[in-house]
Amino acid sequence: MKKLLLATLVCSLSSTYAVASENTTNSNKYQGFYVGAGVGTTDFHDDRESFLKNNHTVGYSNDSGAESYKIIAGYQFNRIVSLEAQYTTYGDVKYTLETNGIKATGKTKHESFSLAANLGYTFDNGLRPFATVGFGQISLKDSMIKDDGGLIRLGAGLEYQVKQVPGLGIRAAYEADFYTLETAVKDFDQSVGSWYLGTTYKF
């Protein structure tokens, strides 16, 4: 899974410069810096359901769905290519650990920074379907774990450029950060993402 994601990332980013160079004849209305923000729900996935610790089986379950928030900044080169940076703070992921009938609860906080290629097409009516692929850094912490590491960012969405307010964009999207949690017991593949609504303004 991680190799597939990495291959997708490398191929997409390597094509970004070529696509941007081939489309320099587009109108200036498709170019410029933009900033924005978004709010959504947190979606968390973990490949562990149980694991061994000190010769005891530990059951694991989690519950996500709290609000997430995004700060967005980027540059649009043309109808097709943008380069976008995001800071995302996700809602707490609540979890339960169970050993021999004894339960313990906690919560994990995730924050990430990513840099991604935003690839799509801006139609004349203002609609722009897009996909994002990139990389970045994630930080997670709870009462037992505090860790920082690399991530791969993947996402897709739809944006609308409001003709009545030049520069204003409204988007709906899903984006997720994929990473590996390294523990003394085992490494676990995890992802934390967000369905969100956002607005951007291009200068």
N, C-alpha and C. Protein backbone atom coordinates (compact mmCIF):
# COMPACT_ATOMS: atom_id res chain seq x y z
N MET A 1 0.84 -1.21 0.00
CA MET A 1 0.00 0.00 0.00
C MET A 1 0.87 1.25 0.00
N LYS A 2 1.88 1.27 0.88
CA LYS A 2 2.75 2.45 0.97
C LYS A 2 3.54 2.63 -0.32
N LYS A 3 3.97 1.52 -0.95
CA LYS A 3 4.72 1.62 -2.19
C LYS A 3 3.85 2.17 -3.31
N LEU A 4 2.58 1.74 -3.34
CA LEU A 4 1.65 2.24 -4.35
C LEU A 4 1.43 3.73 -4.19
N LEU A 5 1.23 4.18 -2.94
CA LEU A 5 1.03 5.61 -2.69
C LEU A 5 2.25 6.41 -3.08
N LEU A 6 3.44 5.89 -2.76
CA LEU A 6 4.67 6.61 -3.08
C LEU A 6 4.86 6.70 -4.58
N ALA A 7 4.55 5.63 -5.31
CA ALA A 7 4.67 5.66 -6.76
C ALA A 7 3.72 6.67 -7.37
N THR A 8 2.50 6.73 -6.84
CA THR A 8 1.51 7.71 -7.32
C THR A 8 2.01 9.13 -7.08
N LEU A 9 2.58 9.36 -5.90
CA LEU A 9 3.10 10.68 -5.54
C LEU A 9 4.22 11.10 -6.48
N VAL A 10 5.19 10.23 -6.72
CA VAL A 10 6.34 10.58 -7.55
C VAL A 10 5.91 10.87 -8.98
N CYS A 11 5.04 10.02 -9.53
CA CYS A 11 4.60 10.22 -10.92
C CYS A 11 3.82 11.53 -11.07
N SER A 12 2.95 11.82 -10.11
CA SER A 12 2.12 13.02 -10.21
C SER A 12 2.95 14.29 -10.08
N LEU A 13 3.88 14.31 -9.09
CA LEU A 13 4.68 15.51 -8.89
C LEU A 13 5.65 15.73 -10.05
N SER A 14 6.17 14.64 -10.63
CA SER A 14 7.11 14.79 -11.74
C SER A 14 6.45 15.36 -12.98
N SER A 15 5.12 15.15 -13.10
CA SER A 15 4.41 15.66 -14.27
C SER A 15 3.92 17.09 -14.07
N THR A 16 3.93 17.59 -12.84
CA THR A 16 3.36 18.91 -12.55
C THR A 16 4.08 20.02 -13.31
N TYR A 17 5.42 20.00 -13.28
CA TYR A 17 6.16 21.06 -13.95
C TYR A 17 5.93 21.03 -15.46
N ALA A 18 5.90 19.82 -16.04
CA ALA A 18 5.69 19.70 -17.48
C ALA A 18 4.33 20.23 -17.89
N VAL A 19 3.30 19.88 -17.12
CA VAL A 19 1.94 20.35 -17.43
C VAL A 19 1.86 21.86 -17.31
N ALA A 20 2.49 22.42 -16.27
CA ALA A 20 2.46 23.86 -16.07
C ALA A 20 3.13 24.58 -17.23
N SER A 21 4.26 24.02 -17.71
CA SER A 21 4.99 24.67 -18.79
C SER A 21 4.22 24.66 -20.09
N GLU A 22 3.43 23.60 -20.30
CA GLU A 22 2.69 23.47 -21.56
C GLU A 22 1.45 24.34 -21.61
N ASN A 23 1.08 24.96 -20.50
CA ASN A 23 -0.18 25.70 -20.47
C ASN A 23 0.02 27.16 -20.07
N THR A 24 1.17 27.72 -20.42
CA THR A 24 1.47 29.09 -20.04
C THR A 24 0.69 30.11 -20.85
N THR A 25 -0.04 29.66 -21.87
CA THR A 25 -0.79 30.61 -22.71
C THR A 25 -2.16 30.92 -22.14
N ASN A 26 -2.54 30.31 -21.00
CA ASN A 26 -3.85 30.57 -20.43
C ASN A 26 -3.97 32.01 -19.96
N SER A 27 -5.18 32.45 -19.82
CA SER A 27 -5.46 33.81 -19.37
C SER A 27 -4.98 34.02 -17.95
N ASN A 28 -4.62 35.29 -17.63
CA ASN A 28 -4.15 35.62 -16.29
C ASN A 28 -5.20 35.39 -15.21
N LYS A 29 -6.47 35.28 -15.60
CA LYS A 29 -7.51 35.07 -14.59
C LYS A 29 -7.38 33.71 -13.93
N TYR A 30 -6.61 32.80 -14.53
CA TYR A 30 -6.39 31.49 -13.95
C TYR A 30 -5.07 31.42 -13.17
N GLN A 31 -4.41 32.55 -12.99
CA GLN A 31 -3.13 32.57 -12.30
C GLN A 31 -3.20 33.44 -11.07
N GLY A 32 -2.38 33.10 -10.07
CA GLY A 32 -2.27 33.97 -8.92
C GLY A 32 -2.19 33.23 -7.60
N PHE A 33 -1.76 33.96 -6.57
CA PHE A 33 -1.71 33.42 -5.22
C PHE A 33 -3.11 33.40 -4.61
N TYR A 34 -3.35 32.41 -3.76
CA TYR A 34 -4.64 32.36 -3.07
C TYR A 34 -4.45 31.87 -1.64
N VAL A 35 -5.37 32.28 -0.80
CA VAL A 35 -5.40 31.84 0.60
C VAL A 35 -6.83 31.40 0.92
N GLY A 36 -6.96 30.60 1.96
CA GLY A 36 -8.29 30.15 2.31
C GLY A 36 -8.32 29.39 3.62
N ALA A 37 -9.48 28.87 3.92
CA ALA A 37 -9.68 28.10 5.15
C ALA A 37 -10.82 27.12 4.93
N GLY A 38 -10.87 26.10 5.77
CA GLY A 38 -11.92 25.10 5.65
C GLY A 38 -12.25 24.49 6.99
N VAL A 39 -13.43 23.89 7.07
CA VAL A 39 -13.87 23.20 8.28
C VAL A 39 -14.57 21.91 7.85
N GLY A 40 -14.35 20.84 8.61
CA GLY A 40 -14.96 19.58 8.24
C GLY A 40 -14.99 18.60 9.40
N THR A 41 -15.16 17.34 9.08
CA THR A 41 -15.20 16.28 10.09
C THR A 41 -13.93 15.43 9.98
N THR A 42 -13.55 14.80 11.08
CA THR A 42 -12.35 13.97 11.11
C THR A 42 -12.70 12.52 10.82
N ASP A 43 -11.89 11.90 9.96
CA ASP A 43 -12.09 10.51 9.56
C ASP A 43 -10.77 9.77 9.80
N PHE A 44 -10.77 8.78 10.69
CA PHE A 44 -9.53 8.10 11.09
C PHE A 44 -9.62 6.61 10.80
N HIS A 45 -8.53 6.06 10.24
CA HIS A 45 -8.45 4.63 9.95
C HIS A 45 -7.15 4.06 10.50
N ASP A 46 -7.25 2.87 11.11
CA ASP A 46 -6.12 2.23 11.75
C ASP A 46 -6.17 0.75 11.41
N ASP A 47 -5.04 0.15 11.02
CA ASP A 47 -5.07 -1.26 10.64
C ASP A 47 -4.98 -2.22 11.83
N ARG A 48 -4.99 -1.69 13.04
CA ARG A 48 -4.94 -2.58 14.20
C ARG A 48 -6.34 -2.75 14.80
N GLU A 49 -6.65 -3.98 15.12
CA GLU A 49 -7.85 -4.30 15.88
C GLU A 49 -7.45 -4.90 17.23
N SER A 50 -6.31 -5.58 17.23
CA SER A 50 -5.74 -6.11 18.47
C SER A 50 -4.25 -6.32 18.27
N PHE A 51 -3.51 -6.35 19.34
CA PHE A 51 -2.07 -6.59 19.26
C PHE A 51 -1.60 -7.19 20.59
N LEU A 52 -0.41 -7.79 20.54
CA LEU A 52 0.16 -8.41 21.72
C LEU A 52 1.07 -7.45 22.45
N LYS A 53 0.94 -7.37 23.75
CA LYS A 53 1.82 -6.57 24.57
C LYS A 53 2.04 -7.30 25.89
N ASN A 54 3.31 -7.59 26.18
CA ASN A 54 3.68 -8.35 27.39
C ASN A 54 2.91 -9.67 27.47
N ASN A 55 2.82 -10.35 26.31
CA ASN A 55 2.16 -11.66 26.21
C ASN A 55 0.66 -11.59 26.49
N HIS A 56 0.07 -10.42 26.41
CA HIS A 56 -1.37 -10.27 26.58
C HIS A 56 -1.95 -9.65 25.31
N THR A 57 -3.13 -10.12 24.92
CA THR A 57 -3.82 -9.55 23.76
C THR A 57 -4.54 -8.28 24.18
N VAL A 58 -4.25 -7.20 23.45
CA VAL A 58 -4.88 -5.91 23.74
C VAL A 58 -5.86 -5.60 22.61
N GLY A 59 -7.14 -5.47 22.94
CA GLY A 59 -8.13 -5.08 21.96
C GLY A 59 -8.13 -3.57 21.77
N TYR A 60 -8.39 -3.14 20.54
CA TYR A 60 -8.34 -1.70 20.23
C TYR A 60 -9.55 -1.31 19.39
N SER A 61 -10.18 -0.20 19.73
CA SER A 61 -11.25 0.38 18.92
C SER A 61 -11.17 1.89 19.04
N ASN A 62 -11.71 2.60 18.05
CA ASN A 62 -11.63 4.06 18.09
C ASN A 62 -12.91 4.68 17.56
N ASP A 63 -13.06 5.96 17.83
CA ASP A 63 -14.23 6.72 17.40
C ASP A 63 -13.75 8.11 17.00
N SER A 64 -14.01 8.49 15.74
CA SER A 64 -13.63 9.83 15.25
C SER A 64 -14.88 10.54 14.77
N GLY A 65 -14.73 11.74 14.25
CA GLY A 65 -15.87 12.49 13.75
C GLY A 65 -15.91 13.92 14.23
N ALA A 66 -15.00 14.28 15.15
CA ALA A 66 -14.95 15.66 15.63
C ALA A 66 -14.50 16.60 14.51
N GLU A 67 -14.69 17.88 14.71
CA GLU A 67 -14.40 18.85 13.66
C GLU A 67 -12.90 18.97 13.38
N SER A 68 -12.58 19.22 12.11
CA SER A 68 -11.22 19.52 11.69
C SER A 68 -11.21 20.92 11.06
N TYR A 69 -10.03 21.55 11.09
CA TYR A 69 -9.88 22.90 10.56
C TYR A 69 -8.64 22.98 9.69
N LYS A 70 -8.74 23.77 8.61
CA LYS A 70 -7.65 23.89 7.65
C LYS A 70 -7.32 25.36 7.36
N ILE A 71 -6.04 25.62 7.17
CA ILE A 71 -5.57 26.89 6.63
C ILE A 71 -4.86 26.57 5.31
N ILE A 72 -5.22 27.28 4.26
CA ILE A 72 -4.78 26.95 2.91
C ILE A 72 -4.05 28.13 2.29
N ALA A 73 -2.96 27.84 1.57
CA ALA A 73 -2.25 28.87 0.80
C ALA A 73 -1.66 28.20 -0.43
N GLY A 74 -1.74 28.87 -1.57
CA GLY A 74 -1.21 28.24 -2.77
C GLY A 74 -1.02 29.21 -3.92
N TYR A 75 -0.57 28.67 -5.03
CA TYR A 75 -0.42 29.46 -6.26
C TYR A 75 -0.98 28.65 -7.41
N GLN A 76 -1.88 29.25 -8.19
CA GLN A 76 -2.45 28.61 -9.37
C GLN A 76 -1.69 29.09 -10.59
N PHE A 77 -1.14 28.14 -11.36
CA PHE A 77 -0.34 28.47 -12.54
C PHE A 77 -1.21 28.69 -13.77
N ASN A 78 -2.28 27.91 -13.89
CA ASN A 78 -3.14 27.94 -15.08
C ASN A 78 -4.43 27.20 -14.76
N ARG A 79 -5.18 26.82 -15.79
CA ARG A 79 -6.44 26.11 -15.57
C ARG A 79 -6.24 24.78 -14.84
N ILE A 80 -5.06 24.18 -14.98
CA ILE A 80 -4.86 22.79 -14.57
C ILE A 80 -4.09 22.66 -13.25
N VAL A 81 -3.02 23.40 -13.08
CA VAL A 81 -2.05 23.12 -12.01
C VAL A 81 -2.01 24.22 -10.96
N SER A 82 -2.08 23.80 -9.70
CA SER A 82 -1.80 24.66 -8.56
C SER A 82 -0.82 23.94 -7.64
N LEU A 83 -0.06 24.71 -6.89
CA LEU A 83 0.78 24.17 -5.83
C LEU A 83 0.22 24.69 -4.52
N GLU A 84 -0.11 23.78 -3.60
CA GLU A 84 -0.90 24.16 -2.43
C GLU A 84 -0.29 23.66 -1.13
N ALA A 85 -0.19 24.55 -0.15
CA ALA A 85 0.25 24.19 1.20
C ALA A 85 -0.96 24.25 2.13
N GLN A 86 -1.01 23.31 3.08
CA GLN A 86 -2.11 23.27 4.04
C GLN A 86 -1.61 22.95 5.44
N TYR A 87 -2.20 23.62 6.40
CA TYR A 87 -2.05 23.22 7.79
C TYR A 87 -3.42 22.71 8.24
N THR A 88 -3.45 21.49 8.79
CA THR A 88 -4.71 20.88 9.22
C THR A 88 -4.60 20.46 10.67
N THR A 89 -5.58 20.84 11.47
CA THR A 89 -5.69 20.32 12.83
C THR A 89 -6.97 19.50 12.89
N TYR A 90 -6.81 18.23 13.24
CA TYR A 90 -7.93 17.29 13.24
C TYR A 90 -8.57 17.21 14.62
N GLY A 91 -9.84 16.82 14.65
CA GLY A 91 -10.51 16.61 15.91
C GLY A 91 -9.95 15.40 16.64
N ASP A 92 -10.13 15.36 17.95
CA ASP A 92 -9.60 14.26 18.76
C ASP A 92 -10.20 12.93 18.33
N VAL A 93 -9.36 11.92 18.24
CA VAL A 93 -9.79 10.54 17.99
C VAL A 93 -9.83 9.81 19.33
N LYS A 94 -11.01 9.42 19.75
CA LYS A 94 -11.15 8.71 21.03
C LYS A 94 -10.94 7.21 20.80
N TYR A 95 -10.23 6.57 21.72
CA TYR A 95 -9.96 5.14 21.55
C TYR A 95 -10.16 4.40 22.87
N THR A 96 -10.34 3.07 22.74
CA THR A 96 -10.50 2.19 23.90
C THR A 96 -9.54 1.01 23.77
N LEU A 97 -8.79 0.73 24.81
CA LEU A 97 -7.92 -0.44 24.90
C LEU A 97 -8.51 -1.39 25.93
N GLU A 98 -8.54 -2.68 25.60
CA GLU A 98 -9.12 -3.67 26.51
C GLU A 98 -8.19 -4.86 26.67
N THR A 99 -7.84 -5.19 27.91
CA THR A 99 -6.99 -6.34 28.23
C THR A 99 -7.62 -7.11 29.37
N ASN A 100 -7.91 -8.40 29.12
CA ASN A 100 -8.50 -9.26 30.16
C ASN A 100 -9.74 -8.63 30.80
N GLY A 101 -10.56 -8.02 29.96
CA GLY A 101 -11.81 -7.44 30.45
C GLY A 101 -11.66 -6.07 31.08
N ILE A 102 -10.43 -5.56 31.17
CA ILE A 102 -10.19 -4.24 31.75
C ILE A 102 -10.04 -3.22 30.62
N LYS A 103 -10.81 -2.15 30.66
CA LYS A 103 -10.81 -1.15 29.60
C LYS A 103 -10.12 0.14 30.07
N ALA A 104 -9.42 0.75 29.13
CA ALA A 104 -8.82 2.06 29.35
C ALA A 104 -9.13 2.92 28.14
N THR A 105 -9.43 4.17 28.35
CA THR A 105 -9.78 5.07 27.25
C THR A 105 -8.78 6.21 27.15
N GLY A 106 -8.72 6.80 25.99
CA GLY A 106 -7.85 7.95 25.77
C GLY A 106 -8.24 8.64 24.48
N LYS A 107 -7.47 9.64 24.09
CA LYS A 107 -7.74 10.35 22.84
C LYS A 107 -6.42 10.81 22.23
N THR A 108 -6.39 10.82 20.91
CA THR A 108 -5.21 11.21 20.16
C THR A 108 -5.49 12.47 19.35
N LYS A 109 -4.53 13.38 19.35
CA LYS A 109 -4.63 14.64 18.61
C LYS A 109 -3.67 14.59 17.43
N HIS A 110 -4.16 14.93 16.23
CA HIS A 110 -3.34 14.96 15.02
C HIS A 110 -3.27 16.38 14.46
N GLU A 111 -2.08 16.77 14.01
CA GLU A 111 -1.88 18.01 13.26
C GLU A 111 -0.95 17.69 12.10
N SER A 112 -1.18 18.33 10.95
CA SER A 112 -0.30 18.06 9.81
C SER A 112 -0.05 19.32 9.00
N PHE A 113 1.10 19.29 8.32
CA PHE A 113 1.43 20.31 7.32
C PHE A 113 1.78 19.58 6.04
N SER A 114 1.19 19.99 4.93
CA SER A 114 1.42 19.30 3.66
C SER A 114 1.68 20.29 2.54
N LEU A 115 2.41 19.82 1.54
CA LEU A 115 2.65 20.56 0.30
C LEU A 115 2.25 19.63 -0.83
N ALA A 116 1.30 20.05 -1.65
CA ALA A 116 0.73 19.13 -2.64
C ALA A 116 0.50 19.82 -3.98
N ALA A 117 0.55 19.01 -5.03
CA ALA A 117 0.10 19.45 -6.34
C ALA A 117 -1.41 19.33 -6.38
N ASN A 118 -2.08 20.39 -6.79
CA ASN A 118 -3.53 20.40 -6.96
C ASN A 118 -3.78 20.37 -8.47
N LEU A 119 -4.24 19.23 -8.97
CA LEU A 119 -4.38 19.01 -10.41
C LEU A 119 -5.85 18.86 -10.78
N GLY A 120 -6.30 19.67 -11.70
CA GLY A 120 -7.70 19.62 -12.12
C GLY A 120 -7.90 20.37 -13.41
N TYR A 121 -9.11 20.87 -13.62
CA TYR A 121 -9.38 21.69 -14.80
C TYR A 121 -10.47 22.68 -14.48
N THR A 122 -10.17 23.96 -14.72
CA THR A 122 -11.13 25.03 -14.48
C THR A 122 -11.95 25.27 -15.74
N PHE A 123 -13.22 24.91 -15.71
CA PHE A 123 -14.10 25.13 -16.86
C PHE A 123 -14.54 26.60 -16.91
N ASP A 124 -15.05 27.01 -18.07
CA ASP A 124 -15.47 28.40 -18.25
C ASP A 124 -16.61 28.79 -17.32
N ASN A 125 -17.40 27.81 -16.87
CA ASN A 125 -18.51 28.11 -15.96
C ASN A 125 -18.07 28.24 -14.50
N GLY A 126 -16.75 28.10 -14.25
CA GLY A 126 -16.22 28.27 -12.90
C GLY A 126 -16.03 27.00 -12.11
N LEU A 127 -16.56 25.87 -12.59
CA LEU A 127 -16.38 24.60 -11.89
C LEU A 127 -14.98 24.05 -12.14
N ARG A 128 -14.40 23.47 -11.08
CA ARG A 128 -13.06 22.89 -11.20
C ARG A 128 -12.96 21.60 -10.37
N PRO A 129 -13.17 20.44 -10.97
CA PRO A 129 -12.87 19.19 -10.27
C PRO A 129 -11.36 19.06 -10.13
N PHE A 130 -10.90 18.52 -9.02
CA PHE A 130 -9.45 18.46 -8.80
C PHE A 130 -9.08 17.27 -7.93
N ALA A 131 -7.80 16.92 -7.99
CA ALA A 131 -7.21 15.93 -7.11
C ALA A 131 -5.93 16.51 -6.53
N THR A 132 -5.59 16.11 -5.31
CA THR A 132 -4.36 16.57 -4.68
C THR A 132 -3.47 15.38 -4.36
N VAL A 133 -2.17 15.56 -4.54
CA VAL A 133 -1.20 14.54 -4.17
C VAL A 133 0.07 15.25 -3.71
N GLY A 134 0.58 14.85 -2.55
CA GLY A 134 1.74 15.54 -2.02
C GLY A 134 2.33 14.81 -0.82
N PHE A 135 3.12 15.53 -0.06
CA PHE A 135 3.80 14.96 1.09
C PHE A 135 3.84 16.01 2.19
N GLY A 136 4.29 15.61 3.37
CA GLY A 136 4.35 16.56 4.47
C GLY A 136 4.78 15.93 5.77
N GLN A 137 4.39 16.56 6.86
CA GLN A 137 4.78 16.16 8.21
C GLN A 137 3.54 16.08 9.08
N ILE A 138 3.46 15.03 9.90
CA ILE A 138 2.32 14.87 10.81
C ILE A 138 2.83 14.76 12.24
N SER A 139 2.06 15.31 13.15
CA SER A 139 2.35 15.22 14.58
C SER A 139 1.14 14.64 15.28
N LEU A 140 1.38 13.62 16.12
CA LEU A 140 0.27 13.06 16.90
C LEU A 140 0.72 12.86 18.34
N LYS A 141 -0.22 13.05 19.25
CA LYS A 141 0.13 12.89 20.66
C LYS A 141 -1.11 12.53 21.46
N ASP A 142 -0.88 11.72 22.48
CA ASP A 142 -1.89 11.43 23.49
C ASP A 142 -1.15 11.14 24.79
N SER A 143 -1.84 10.55 25.75
CA SER A 143 -1.22 10.32 27.06
C SER A 143 -0.09 9.30 27.01
N MET A 144 -0.08 8.43 25.96
CA MET A 144 0.93 7.37 25.88
C MET A 144 1.91 7.56 24.74
N ILE A 145 1.52 8.27 23.70
CA ILE A 145 2.34 8.38 22.49
C ILE A 145 2.49 9.84 22.09
N LYS A 146 3.71 10.18 21.69
CA LYS A 146 3.97 11.47 21.06
C LYS A 146 4.94 11.19 19.93
N ASP A 147 4.53 11.48 18.70
CA ASP A 147 5.34 11.07 17.56
C ASP A 147 5.18 12.08 16.43
N ASP A 148 6.25 12.25 15.66
CA ASP A 148 6.25 13.07 14.45
C ASP A 148 6.81 12.23 13.32
N GLY A 149 6.29 12.43 12.12
CA GLY A 149 6.79 11.66 10.99
C GLY A 149 6.28 12.18 9.67
N GLY A 150 6.72 11.54 8.60
CA GLY A 150 6.31 11.95 7.27
C GLY A 150 4.95 11.41 6.90
N LEU A 151 4.33 12.04 5.92
CA LEU A 151 3.01 11.61 5.44
C LEU A 151 2.94 11.74 3.93
N ILE A 152 2.00 11.03 3.35
CA ILE A 152 1.60 11.20 1.96
C ILE A 152 0.17 11.71 1.95
N ARG A 153 -0.07 12.81 1.23
CA ARG A 153 -1.39 13.44 1.17
C ARG A 153 -2.07 13.08 -0.16
N LEU A 154 -3.30 12.57 -0.10
CA LEU A 154 -4.11 12.31 -1.28
C LEU A 154 -5.50 12.89 -1.06
N GLY A 155 -6.12 13.39 -2.11
CA GLY A 155 -7.45 13.94 -1.96
C GLY A 155 -8.12 14.21 -3.30
N ALA A 156 -9.38 14.58 -3.25
CA ALA A 156 -10.15 14.92 -4.44
C ALA A 156 -11.31 15.82 -4.02
N GLY A 157 -11.75 16.68 -4.94
CA GLY A 157 -12.85 17.57 -4.60
C GLY A 157 -13.36 18.34 -5.80
N LEU A 158 -14.24 19.27 -5.52
CA LEU A 158 -14.84 20.13 -6.54
C LEU A 158 -14.85 21.57 -6.02
N GLU A 159 -14.36 22.48 -6.86
CA GLU A 159 -14.31 23.89 -6.50
C GLU A 159 -15.15 24.70 -7.49
N TYR A 160 -15.70 25.79 -7.00
CA TYR A 160 -16.48 26.69 -7.86
C TYR A 160 -15.98 28.10 -7.68
N GLN A 161 -15.56 28.73 -8.79
CA GLN A 161 -15.13 30.11 -8.78
C GLN A 161 -16.35 31.00 -9.03
N VAL A 162 -16.68 31.82 -8.04
CA VAL A 162 -17.89 32.65 -8.09
C VAL A 162 -17.67 33.82 -9.05
N LYS A 163 -18.41 33.84 -10.14
CA LYS A 163 -18.21 34.88 -11.15
C LYS A 163 -18.60 36.26 -10.63
N GLN A 164 -19.61 36.31 -9.74
CA GLN A 164 -20.07 37.59 -9.23
C GLN A 164 -19.05 38.23 -8.28
N VAL A 165 -18.15 37.41 -7.72
CA VAL A 165 -17.10 37.93 -6.82
C VAL A 165 -15.77 37.40 -7.33
N PRO A 166 -15.12 38.11 -8.24
CA PRO A 166 -13.86 37.62 -8.82
C PRO A 166 -12.83 37.30 -7.74
N GLY A 167 -12.24 36.12 -7.88
CA GLY A 167 -11.23 35.68 -6.92
C GLY A 167 -11.76 34.75 -5.85
N LEU A 168 -13.08 34.76 -5.61
CA LEU A 168 -13.66 33.94 -4.55
C LEU A 168 -13.95 32.53 -5.05
N GLY A 169 -13.48 31.53 -4.30
CA GLY A 169 -13.74 30.14 -4.63
C GLY A 169 -14.36 29.41 -3.46
N ILE A 170 -15.24 28.47 -3.76
CA ILE A 170 -15.87 27.63 -2.74
C ILE A 170 -15.58 26.18 -3.12
N ARG A 171 -15.13 25.39 -2.16
CA ARG A 171 -14.79 24.00 -2.47
C ARG A 171 -15.36 23.02 -1.47
N ALA A 172 -15.61 21.80 -1.96
CA ALA A 172 -15.96 20.67 -1.12
C ALA A 172 -15.00 19.55 -1.50
N ALA A 173 -14.39 18.91 -0.50
CA ALA A 173 -13.35 17.93 -0.82
C ALA A 173 -13.15 16.93 0.31
N TYR A 174 -12.47 15.85 -0.05
CA TYR A 174 -11.98 14.90 0.96
C TYR A 174 -10.48 14.76 0.76
N GLU A 175 -9.72 14.92 1.84
CA GLU A 175 -8.27 14.76 1.77
C GLU A 175 -7.82 13.96 2.98
N ALA A 176 -6.82 13.09 2.78
CA ALA A 176 -6.35 12.23 3.86
C ALA A 176 -4.83 12.20 3.89
N ASP A 177 -4.30 12.07 5.09
CA ASP A 177 -2.86 11.94 5.31
C ASP A 177 -2.56 10.49 5.71
N PHE A 178 -1.68 9.83 4.95
CA PHE A 178 -1.31 8.45 5.21
C PHE A 178 0.08 8.41 5.83
N TYR A 179 0.25 7.65 6.89
CA TYR A 179 1.52 7.60 7.60
C TYR A 179 1.63 6.26 8.34
N THR A 180 2.81 6.00 8.91
CA THR A 180 3.05 4.79 9.69
C THR A 180 3.37 5.18 11.13
N LEU A 181 2.63 4.60 12.07
CA LEU A 181 2.89 4.79 13.48
C LEU A 181 3.86 3.72 13.94
N GLU A 182 5.05 4.13 14.39
CA GLU A 182 6.06 3.18 14.84
C GLU A 182 6.00 3.07 16.37
N THR A 183 5.78 1.85 16.87
CA THR A 183 5.73 1.62 18.30
C THR A 183 6.72 0.52 18.67
N ALA A 184 6.95 0.35 19.96
CA ALA A 184 7.84 -0.71 20.42
C ALA A 184 7.27 -2.09 20.15
N VAL A 185 5.96 -2.16 20.01
CA VAL A 185 5.29 -3.45 19.78
C VAL A 185 5.28 -3.80 18.30
N LYS A 186 4.85 -2.84 17.44
CA LYS A 186 4.66 -3.10 16.02
C LYS A 186 4.45 -1.78 15.31
N ASP A 187 4.69 -1.77 14.01
CA ASP A 187 4.37 -0.60 13.19
C ASP A 187 2.96 -0.76 12.62
N PHE A 188 2.19 0.35 12.66
CA PHE A 188 0.80 0.31 12.20
C PHE A 188 0.60 1.37 11.12
N ASP A 189 -0.02 0.95 9.99
CA ASP A 189 -0.39 1.90 8.95
C ASP A 189 -1.69 2.60 9.35
N GLN A 190 -1.67 3.92 9.31
CA GLN A 190 -2.83 4.70 9.72
C GLN A 190 -3.09 5.81 8.71
N SER A 191 -4.29 6.35 8.75
CA SER A 191 -4.61 7.54 7.96
C SER A 191 -5.62 8.38 8.73
N VAL A 192 -5.48 9.68 8.59
CA VAL A 192 -6.44 10.60 9.17
C VAL A 192 -6.81 11.60 8.08
N GLY A 193 -8.11 11.78 7.90
CA GLY A 193 -8.57 12.63 6.81
C GLY A 193 -9.74 13.50 7.21
N SER A 194 -10.27 14.21 6.22
CA SER A 194 -11.35 15.15 6.50
C SER A 194 -12.21 15.38 5.27
N TRP A 195 -13.54 15.22 5.43
CA TRP A 195 -14.51 15.78 4.49
C TRP A 195 -14.71 17.23 4.91
N TYR A 196 -14.50 18.17 4.01
CA TYR A 196 -14.57 19.57 4.44
C TYR A 196 -15.16 20.49 3.38
N LEU A 197 -15.65 21.61 3.83
CA LEU A 197 -16.06 22.73 3.00
C LEU A 197 -15.08 23.87 3.26
N GLY A 198 -14.69 24.55 2.19
CA GLY A 198 -13.73 25.64 2.36
C GLY A 198 -13.97 26.77 1.38
N THR A 199 -13.34 27.88 1.66
CA THR A 199 -13.37 29.02 0.74
C THR A 199 -11.94 29.49 0.51
N THR A 200 -11.69 29.98 -0.70
CA THR A 200 -10.38 30.54 -1.03
C THR A 200 -10.58 31.89 -1.70
N TYR A 201 -9.55 32.69 -1.63
CA TYR A 201 -9.58 33.98 -2.36
C TYR A 201 -8.27 34.15 -3.09
N LYS A 202 -8.36 34.35 -4.42
CA LYS A 202 -7.18 34.49 -5.27
C LYS A 202 -6.94 35.97 -5.56
N PHE A 203 -5.69 36.38 -5.39
CA PHE A 203 -5.33 37.79 -5.60
C PHE A 203 -4.95 38.05 -7.04
